[in-house]
Protein backbone atom coordinates (compact mmCIF):
# COMPACT_ATOMS: atom_id res chain seq x y z
CA MET A 1 113.97 111.45 111.10
CA LEU A 2 111.55 108.57 111.16
CA ILE A 3 111.96 105.09 109.64
CA GLY A 4 108.69 103.37 108.74
CA ILE A 5 108.51 99.55 108.96
CA VAL A 6 106.16 98.25 106.33
CA GLY A 7 105.02 94.93 104.86
CA LYS A 8 102.05 92.63 104.51
CA PRO A 9 100.45 91.14 107.68
CA SER A 10 102.58 88.57 109.59
CA SER A 11 105.72 89.26 107.60
CA GLY A 12 107.65 90.06 110.75
CA LYS A 13 107.27 93.87 111.03
CA SER A 14 106.52 93.87 114.76
CA THR A 15 109.27 91.27 115.38
CA PHE A 16 111.70 93.57 113.52
CA LEU A 17 110.64 96.56 115.69
CA ASN A 18 110.84 94.49 118.89
CA ALA A 19 114.31 93.25 117.90
CA ALA A 20 115.56 96.72 116.92
CA CYS A 21 114.12 98.45 119.99
CA LEU A 22 113.87 95.57 122.53
CA THR A 23 110.21 96.33 122.97
CA GLU A 24 107.37 93.86 123.57
CA TYR A 25 104.78 94.84 120.99
CA LYS A 26 102.29 92.16 120.19
CA THR A 27 103.39 89.69 117.41
CA GLY A 28 101.50 86.87 115.89
CA ASN A 29 101.21 84.53 112.87
CA TYR A 30 97.91 85.92 111.82
CA PRO A 31 96.85 89.10 109.93
CA PHE A 32 96.57 92.57 111.51
CA THR A 33 98.30 91.77 114.82
CA THR A 34 99.31 95.44 114.67
CA ILE A 35 96.25 97.66 114.63
CA LYS A 36 97.61 100.96 115.95
CA PRO A 37 101.08 102.10 114.87
CA ASN A 38 103.90 101.10 117.24
CA LEU A 39 106.68 103.64 117.87
CA GLY A 40 110.14 102.66 119.18
CA THR A 41 113.68 103.99 119.58
CA SER A 42 116.56 102.05 118.08
CA PHE A 43 120.14 102.97 117.20
CA VAL A 44 122.52 103.23 114.25
CA ARG A 45 126.01 101.94 114.92
CA VAL A 46 129.17 103.70 113.82
CA PRO A 47 132.86 103.58 114.88
CA CYS A 48 133.27 106.24 117.60
CA VAL A 49 135.91 108.92 117.25
CA CYS A 50 136.99 108.21 120.85
CA LYS A 51 139.41 105.59 119.48
CA GLU A 52 140.90 107.95 116.87
CA LEU A 53 141.31 110.67 119.53
CA ASN A 54 142.53 108.18 122.16
CA VAL A 55 140.06 109.33 124.86
CA ASN A 56 137.66 107.73 127.24
CA ASP A 57 134.28 109.27 126.36
CA ASN A 58 131.12 109.60 128.43
CA PRO A 59 128.22 110.22 126.04
CA LYS A 60 124.94 111.93 126.98
CA ASN A 61 122.71 111.63 123.93
CA SER A 62 124.03 108.31 122.70
CA ILE A 63 125.86 105.17 123.88
CA CYS A 64 129.48 104.02 123.37
CA ARG A 65 130.39 100.32 123.58
CA ASN A 66 133.82 99.00 122.66
CA HIS A 67 134.55 102.11 120.58
CA ASN A 68 131.19 101.81 118.80
CA ARG A 69 128.81 104.76 119.06
CA PHE A 70 125.08 103.91 119.04
CA ILE A 71 123.04 106.91 118.09
CA PRO A 72 119.18 106.90 118.65
CA ILE A 73 116.69 106.90 115.79
CA LYS A 74 112.86 106.57 115.72
CA LEU A 75 111.06 103.61 114.13
CA LEU A 76 107.37 103.21 113.31
CA ASP A 77 105.65 99.87 112.76
CA VAL A 78 102.23 100.26 111.04
CA ALA A 79 99.33 97.96 110.25
CA GLY A 80 100.02 95.31 107.58
CA LEU A 81 99.37 96.25 103.93
CA VAL A 82 97.31 94.07 101.56
CA PRO A 83 96.49 94.39 97.86
CA ASP A 84 94.08 97.25 97.05
CA ALA A 85 94.92 98.99 100.39
CA HIS A 86 94.83 102.31 98.60
CA LEU A 87 91.08 101.61 97.97
CA GLY A 88 90.56 101.00 101.70
CA LYS A 89 90.95 97.18 101.79
CA GLY A 90 92.26 95.64 105.03
CA MET A 91 93.78 98.34 107.28
CA GLY A 92 94.75 100.30 104.17
CA ASN A 93 93.49 103.75 104.92
CA GLN A 94 94.99 103.72 108.46
CA PHE A 95 98.22 102.23 107.23
CA LEU A 96 98.72 104.87 104.61
CA SER A 97 97.96 107.82 106.86
CA ASP A 98 100.34 106.46 109.50
CA LEU A 99 102.98 106.11 106.80
CA ALA A 100 102.84 109.82 105.96
CA ARG A 101 105.30 110.72 108.70
CA ALA A 102 108.18 108.42 107.58
CA ASP A 103 111.26 109.58 105.72
CA VAL A 104 112.31 106.12 104.48
CA LEU A 105 110.54 102.77 104.50
CA ILE A 106 111.92 99.40 105.42
CA HIS A 107 109.85 96.74 103.69
CA VAL A 108 109.99 93.52 105.74
CA VAL A 109 109.37 90.74 103.18
CA ASP A 110 108.55 87.13 104.13
CA ILE A 111 111.39 85.64 102.10
CA SER A 112 110.30 82.11 102.99
CA GLY A 113 107.15 82.45 100.86
CA SER A 114 104.95 80.95 103.63
CA LEU A 115 102.19 83.55 103.66
CA ASP A 116 99.63 84.52 101.02
CA ALA A 117 99.04 88.11 99.87
CA GLU A 118 96.88 88.83 102.97
CA GLY A 119 99.24 87.21 105.48
CA GLN A 120 97.49 83.85 105.84
CA ASP A 121 99.62 80.75 106.37
CA ILE A 122 100.30 78.65 103.26
CA ASP A 123 102.90 75.95 102.51
CA GLU A 124 106.46 77.26 102.84
CA GLY A 125 107.81 78.32 99.43
CA SER A 126 104.36 78.58 97.85
CA ARG A 127 104.50 82.35 97.29
CA ASN A 128 107.06 84.29 95.32
CA PRO A 129 108.50 87.14 97.42
CA ILE A 130 108.79 89.25 94.25
CA ASP A 131 104.98 89.45 94.20
CA ASP A 132 105.00 90.95 97.74
CA ILE A 133 107.64 93.49 96.77
CA GLN A 134 105.73 94.55 93.68
CA PHE A 135 102.25 94.85 95.22
CA LEU A 136 103.48 96.87 98.19
CA GLU A 137 105.31 99.39 96.02
CA ASP A 138 102.32 99.63 93.74
CA GLU A 139 99.93 100.29 96.65
CA ILE A 140 102.12 103.12 98.00
CA ASN A 141 102.60 104.57 94.52
CA PHE A 142 98.80 104.51 93.92
CA TRP A 143 98.33 106.20 97.26
CA PHE A 144 100.76 108.98 96.25
CA LYS A 145 98.81 109.41 92.99
CA SER A 146 95.53 109.76 94.96
CA LEU A 147 97.01 112.45 97.13
CA ILE A 148 98.21 114.36 94.06
CA VAL A 149 95.00 114.09 92.07
CA LYS A 150 92.47 114.23 94.92
CA LYS A 151 88.94 115.13 93.63
CA ASP A 152 89.85 118.43 92.04
CA TRP A 153 92.77 117.64 89.75
CA ASN A 154 91.33 119.33 86.64
CA LYS A 155 90.39 122.48 88.56
CA PHE A 156 93.78 122.40 90.33
CA ILE A 157 95.77 122.27 87.10
CA ARG A 158 93.50 124.71 85.23
CA LYS A 159 94.12 127.35 87.93
CA ILE A 160 97.89 126.71 87.78
CA GLU A 161 98.01 127.21 84.01
CA GLN A 162 95.59 130.18 83.83
CA GLU A 163 97.14 132.10 86.71
CA LYS A 164 100.72 130.94 85.93
CA ILE A 165 101.24 129.75 89.54
CA PRO A 166 104.51 127.80 90.07
CA PHE A 167 103.59 124.07 90.00
CA VAL A 168 106.29 123.22 92.54
CA ASP A 169 104.96 125.61 95.17
CA VAL A 170 101.34 124.60 95.03
CA LEU A 171 102.10 120.88 94.81
CA GLN A 172 104.41 121.13 97.83
CA GLU A 173 101.61 122.88 99.75
CA ARG A 174 99.18 120.15 98.61
CA LEU A 175 101.48 117.38 99.84
CA ALA A 176 102.97 119.05 102.92
CA GLY A 177 100.99 116.65 105.10
CA ILE A 178 103.16 113.69 104.01
CA GLY A 179 106.44 115.52 104.35
CA ILE A 180 107.04 116.39 100.67
CA LYS A 181 109.55 119.18 100.25
CA LYS A 182 110.29 121.40 97.28
CA GLU A 183 113.61 119.64 96.60
CA HIS A 184 111.71 116.32 96.28
CA ILE A 185 109.47 117.77 93.59
CA LEU A 186 112.29 119.56 91.75
CA LYS A 187 114.32 116.32 91.74
CA THR A 188 111.31 114.45 90.43
CA ILE A 189 110.84 116.97 87.63
CA GLY A 190 114.44 116.51 86.66
CA LYS A 191 114.14 112.74 86.50
CA THR A 192 110.95 112.50 84.38
CA ASP A 193 110.35 113.31 80.70
CA LEU A 194 106.90 114.82 81.22
CA ASN A 195 105.73 118.17 79.84
CA PHE A 196 105.51 120.46 82.81
CA GLU A 197 104.40 123.41 80.59
CA LYS A 198 101.16 121.57 79.82
CA ILE A 199 100.29 119.47 82.85
CA SER A 200 96.65 119.52 81.83
CA GLN A 201 97.56 117.21 78.93
CA TRP A 202 98.98 114.53 81.22
CA THR A 203 97.38 111.12 80.89
CA ASN A 204 96.54 108.88 83.86
CA GLU A 205 99.74 106.99 83.11
CA ASP A 206 101.72 110.26 83.18
CA ILE A 207 100.31 111.17 86.59
CA PHE A 208 101.16 107.75 87.90
CA ALA A 209 104.68 107.91 86.49
CA PHE A 210 105.18 111.25 88.29
CA ALA A 211 103.69 109.94 91.54
CA LYS A 212 105.89 106.85 91.42
CA LYS A 213 109.10 108.87 90.93
CA LEU A 214 108.11 111.30 93.64
CA ARG A 215 107.52 108.45 96.03
CA GLU A 216 110.90 106.84 95.12
CA ILE A 217 112.64 110.14 95.84
CA SER A 218 110.72 111.26 98.99
CA LYS A 219 110.00 107.87 100.62
CA PRO A 220 112.49 105.35 99.28
CA ILE A 221 111.89 101.67 100.13
CA ILE A 222 114.59 99.28 101.44
CA ILE A 223 113.91 95.55 101.04
CA VAL A 224 114.67 93.36 104.04
CA ALA A 225 114.42 89.63 103.37
CA ASN A 226 113.17 88.34 106.72
CA LYS A 227 112.84 84.74 107.88
CA ILE A 228 116.13 83.90 106.17
CA ASP A 229 116.47 81.02 108.61
CA LYS A 230 113.48 79.20 107.11
CA THR A 231 114.14 76.24 104.78
CA THR A 232 113.20 78.10 101.62
CA GLY A 233 114.35 81.55 102.83
CA GLU A 234 118.06 81.30 101.86
CA LYS A 235 117.27 80.00 98.32
CA ASN A 236 114.61 82.72 97.75
CA TYR A 237 117.05 85.39 99.00
CA PHE A 238 119.76 84.49 96.50
CA ASP A 239 117.14 84.18 93.67
CA LEU A 240 115.89 87.67 94.59
CA LYS A 241 119.38 89.11 94.56
CA LYS A 242 119.89 87.93 91.02
CA LYS A 243 116.67 89.57 89.80
CA TYR A 244 116.86 92.89 91.78
CA GLN A 245 119.50 95.47 91.33
CA GLU A 246 118.57 97.19 94.61
CA GLU A 247 120.22 96.24 97.90
CA ILE A 248 118.48 93.22 99.47
CA ILE A 249 119.31 92.78 103.16
CA PRO A 250 119.14 89.24 104.59
CA CYS A 251 117.49 89.21 107.94
CA SER A 252 116.29 87.04 110.88
CA ALA A 253 114.43 89.46 113.13
CA LEU A 254 113.52 86.74 115.57
CA SER A 255 117.22 85.77 115.93
CA GLU A 256 118.19 89.37 116.69
CA TYR A 257 115.41 89.68 119.22
CA TRP A 258 116.66 86.70 121.24
CA LEU A 259 120.33 87.86 121.06
CA ARG A 260 119.44 91.35 122.30
CA LYS A 261 117.15 90.00 125.01
CA TYR A 262 119.82 87.56 126.34
CA ALA A 263 122.42 90.32 126.19
CA GLU A 264 120.13 92.62 128.16
CA GLU A 265 119.77 89.87 130.77
CA ASN A 266 123.64 89.49 130.91
CA LYS A 267 123.39 85.90 129.76
CA ILE A 268 125.45 86.54 126.58
CA GLU A 269 127.87 89.15 125.35
CA TYR A 270 126.62 90.66 122.11
CA LEU A 271 126.66 94.00 120.34
CA PRO A 272 123.97 94.60 117.68
CA GLY A 273 125.57 94.11 114.30
CA ASP A 274 128.34 91.76 115.49
CA PRO A 275 128.92 88.47 113.71
CA LEU A 276 129.54 86.64 116.96
CA PHE A 277 128.18 86.36 120.51
CA LYS A 278 129.60 84.84 123.65
CA ILE A 279 127.58 82.79 126.14
CA LEU A 280 128.35 84.08 129.69
CA LYS A 281 126.04 81.93 131.85
CA ARG A 282 125.61 78.54 130.14
CA ASN A 283 123.70 77.12 133.11
CA ASP A 284 121.04 79.78 132.63
CA PHE A 285 119.92 78.16 129.37
CA SER A 286 117.95 75.04 128.74
CA GLU A 287 119.20 72.53 126.18
CA SER A 288 116.54 73.77 123.64
CA GLU A 289 117.65 77.38 124.17
CA LEU A 290 121.29 76.46 123.63
CA LYS A 291 120.29 74.68 120.40
CA VAL A 292 118.52 77.85 119.24
CA LEU A 293 121.62 79.91 119.96
CA GLN A 294 123.78 77.38 118.06
CA ASN A 295 121.46 77.56 115.07
CA ILE A 296 121.62 81.41 115.16
CA GLN A 297 125.40 81.29 115.04
CA GLU A 298 125.71 78.59 112.41
CA LYS A 299 122.78 79.32 110.15
CA ILE A 300 122.65 83.12 110.39
CA LEU A 301 125.83 84.74 111.71
CA ASN A 302 128.38 82.42 110.11
CA LYS A 303 126.62 82.66 106.73
CA PHE A 304 125.51 86.30 106.60
CA LYS A 305 127.72 87.89 109.30
CA THR A 306 124.69 89.62 110.75
CA THR A 307 121.07 89.10 111.67
CA GLY A 308 120.29 91.99 109.29
CA ILE A 309 118.58 94.38 111.74
CA GLN A 310 121.57 96.66 112.32
CA ASN A 311 122.56 96.49 108.63
CA ALA A 312 119.05 97.59 107.60
CA LEU A 313 119.00 100.54 109.98
CA ASN A 314 122.47 101.71 109.07
CA TYR A 315 121.72 101.33 105.34
CA ALA A 316 118.52 103.39 105.71
CA VAL A 317 120.21 106.20 107.62
CA PHE A 318 123.67 106.43 105.99
CA ASN A 319 123.15 105.10 102.45
CA VAL A 320 119.63 106.21 101.69
CA LEU A 321 119.13 109.27 103.85
CA GLN A 322 122.80 110.27 103.45
CA GLN A 323 123.45 111.16 107.03
CA ILE A 324 126.80 111.68 108.71
CA VAL A 325 127.91 111.97 112.35
CA VAL A 326 129.20 115.17 113.92
CA TYR A 327 130.40 115.72 117.55
CA PRO A 328 130.09 119.26 119.01
CA VAL A 329 132.36 120.10 121.92
CA TYR A 330 133.31 123.08 124.11
CA ASP A 331 136.95 122.36 124.69
CA ILE A 332 139.01 121.55 121.60
CA ASN A 333 141.86 120.01 123.65
CA SER A 334 139.92 117.69 125.94
CA TYR A 335 136.99 117.27 123.49
CA ALA A 336 134.63 117.90 126.42
CA ASP A 337 131.51 120.06 127.06
CA LYS A 338 131.35 122.71 129.78
CA ASP A 339 130.69 120.06 132.38
CA GLY A 340 133.69 117.92 131.46
CA ASN A 341 131.78 115.21 129.57
CA ILE A 342 134.08 113.96 126.83
CA LEU A 343 132.46 113.69 123.30
CA PRO A 344 129.07 114.08 124.96
CA ASP A 345 126.90 114.26 121.86
CA ALA A 346 126.81 112.63 118.46
CA HIS A 347 124.41 114.22 115.91
CA LEU A 348 123.12 112.75 112.71
CA ILE A 349 122.91 115.32 109.96
CA HIS A 350 122.64 115.37 106.17
CA ASN A 351 126.01 115.23 104.42
CA GLU A 352 125.28 118.52 102.64
CA MET A 353 124.69 120.48 105.82
CA GLU A 354 126.73 123.64 106.47
CA LEU A 355 128.15 124.56 109.89
CA LYS A 356 125.87 127.48 110.70
CA THR A 357 122.74 125.50 109.74
CA PHE A 358 124.00 122.72 112.00
CA VAL A 359 124.36 125.15 114.90
CA GLU A 360 120.86 126.54 114.34
CA THR A 361 119.05 123.21 113.92
CA LYS A 362 120.99 120.91 116.24
CA ILE A 363 122.51 123.06 118.96
CA HIS A 364 120.68 126.34 119.63
CA SER A 365 119.17 129.05 117.46
CA ASP A 366 120.64 131.78 119.70
CA MET A 367 124.13 130.42 119.09
CA ALA A 368 123.51 130.65 115.36
CA LYS A 369 122.51 134.30 115.68
CA ASN A 370 125.77 135.08 117.53
CA PHE A 371 127.89 132.76 115.43
CA ILE A 372 131.39 134.04 114.68
CA TYR A 373 133.27 130.87 113.47
CA GLY A 374 133.82 127.24 114.17
CA LEU A 375 136.92 125.33 115.19
CA ASP A 376 137.92 121.86 113.96
CA ALA A 377 138.94 120.25 117.25
CA LYS A 378 141.22 117.78 115.44
CA THR A 379 143.23 120.27 113.32
CA LYS A 380 142.49 123.45 115.39
CA MET A 381 141.63 125.28 112.08
CA ARG A 382 138.97 127.94 111.84
CA LEU A 383 135.80 127.07 109.95
CA GLY A 384 133.41 129.57 108.34
CA GLU A 385 129.63 129.45 108.45
CA HIS A 386 129.39 127.79 105.01
CA TYR A 387 131.82 125.03 105.85
CA LYS A 388 130.30 121.74 104.72
CA LEU A 389 130.55 119.33 107.64
CA LYS A 390 132.27 115.95 107.19
CA ASN A 391 131.64 112.64 108.86
CA ASN A 392 133.29 112.42 112.30
CA ASP A 393 133.97 116.11 112.53
CA VAL A 394 134.56 117.30 116.10
CA ILE A 395 133.51 120.94 116.21
CA LYS A 396 133.62 123.85 118.65
CA VAL A 397 131.34 126.84 117.95
CA VAL A 398 132.62 130.33 118.86
CA THR A 399 129.94 132.94 119.40
CA ALA A 400 129.79 136.66 120.30
CA ALA A 401 128.85 137.56 123.80
CA LYS A 402 125.14 138.32 124.17
CA SER A 403 124.34 141.97 124.57
CA LYS A 404 122.67 142.81 127.87
């Protein structure tokens, strides 16, 4: 799973990544600060089952703090996108090829309206954030269309129709490089009114409509309203919420960065996603730094209950990608692995995944081959291979002994 961080230059993408991952990638108030894609590890936050089970856990693949489990995810910040990027303008070609790996996109929007379309400084409030949302989606949709059509569209379609080759199979092969799966194409077909018996009769508009819907299904975009702390940011955010039906997440990436940095330095007590923080070493801060912290609490956390970073990541993983959390264990009474680690691993999986598939993809393929049944560690009930896993399941896998 990979989350792409996208947006026009200087909108706060690298600051978002630095805040989410506590990295030090170069940021700047000028276009194309990011040239090569930046990769980082962040976390989604969920209530840990340790509280429900009344145990003290010691995780291996994740972190538990105050009964909150933080599970790692990968983020990618790519070069800023400008209008006509699909034609190669700006860093467009590189941006779009870097984007191919992502499963979901977080669009960091300059909600303050203080940057023009290419990321140059203008008077705050001068640009409508809706224009940024629209142009970025258009650019990615046009890019999808170009990958579908390429230079041989007519020949490609003629061969499909003459030889009666399944459209889904050949298109999936054509788009495999950007992570398109058959289910994405099938879902797109079901949500469009196009004639798939006569694809050769599609107009340019038809092809674009198909590409747009395929992009929406395979690489959905989440809008994050960054720089909410700016004078015009809050007003623009509420205006945007009235006009857009999609979820708009208010955000101050810079505020989150400072909170995480100070927490890492043990100067404050703060968990990502919390609406409050506690200053531990007041003397370690200058008056100006204390004023910044006060503003973060009053202007961001008190109003929005979050800086937005954790909300955005959780929304991407759980709401959009429809993941759940499952804890495999060896001992169903102590909830430990073979080494005695209690609730050692927390795995993110799709909410439609069955037990045997989980064993094969997340634990070990050999265990899947020798699979007999699973055990629900909470209820002690047996589970078959087609059992559809539920959020916060704690599972033991029983296998046959390997033949020598």
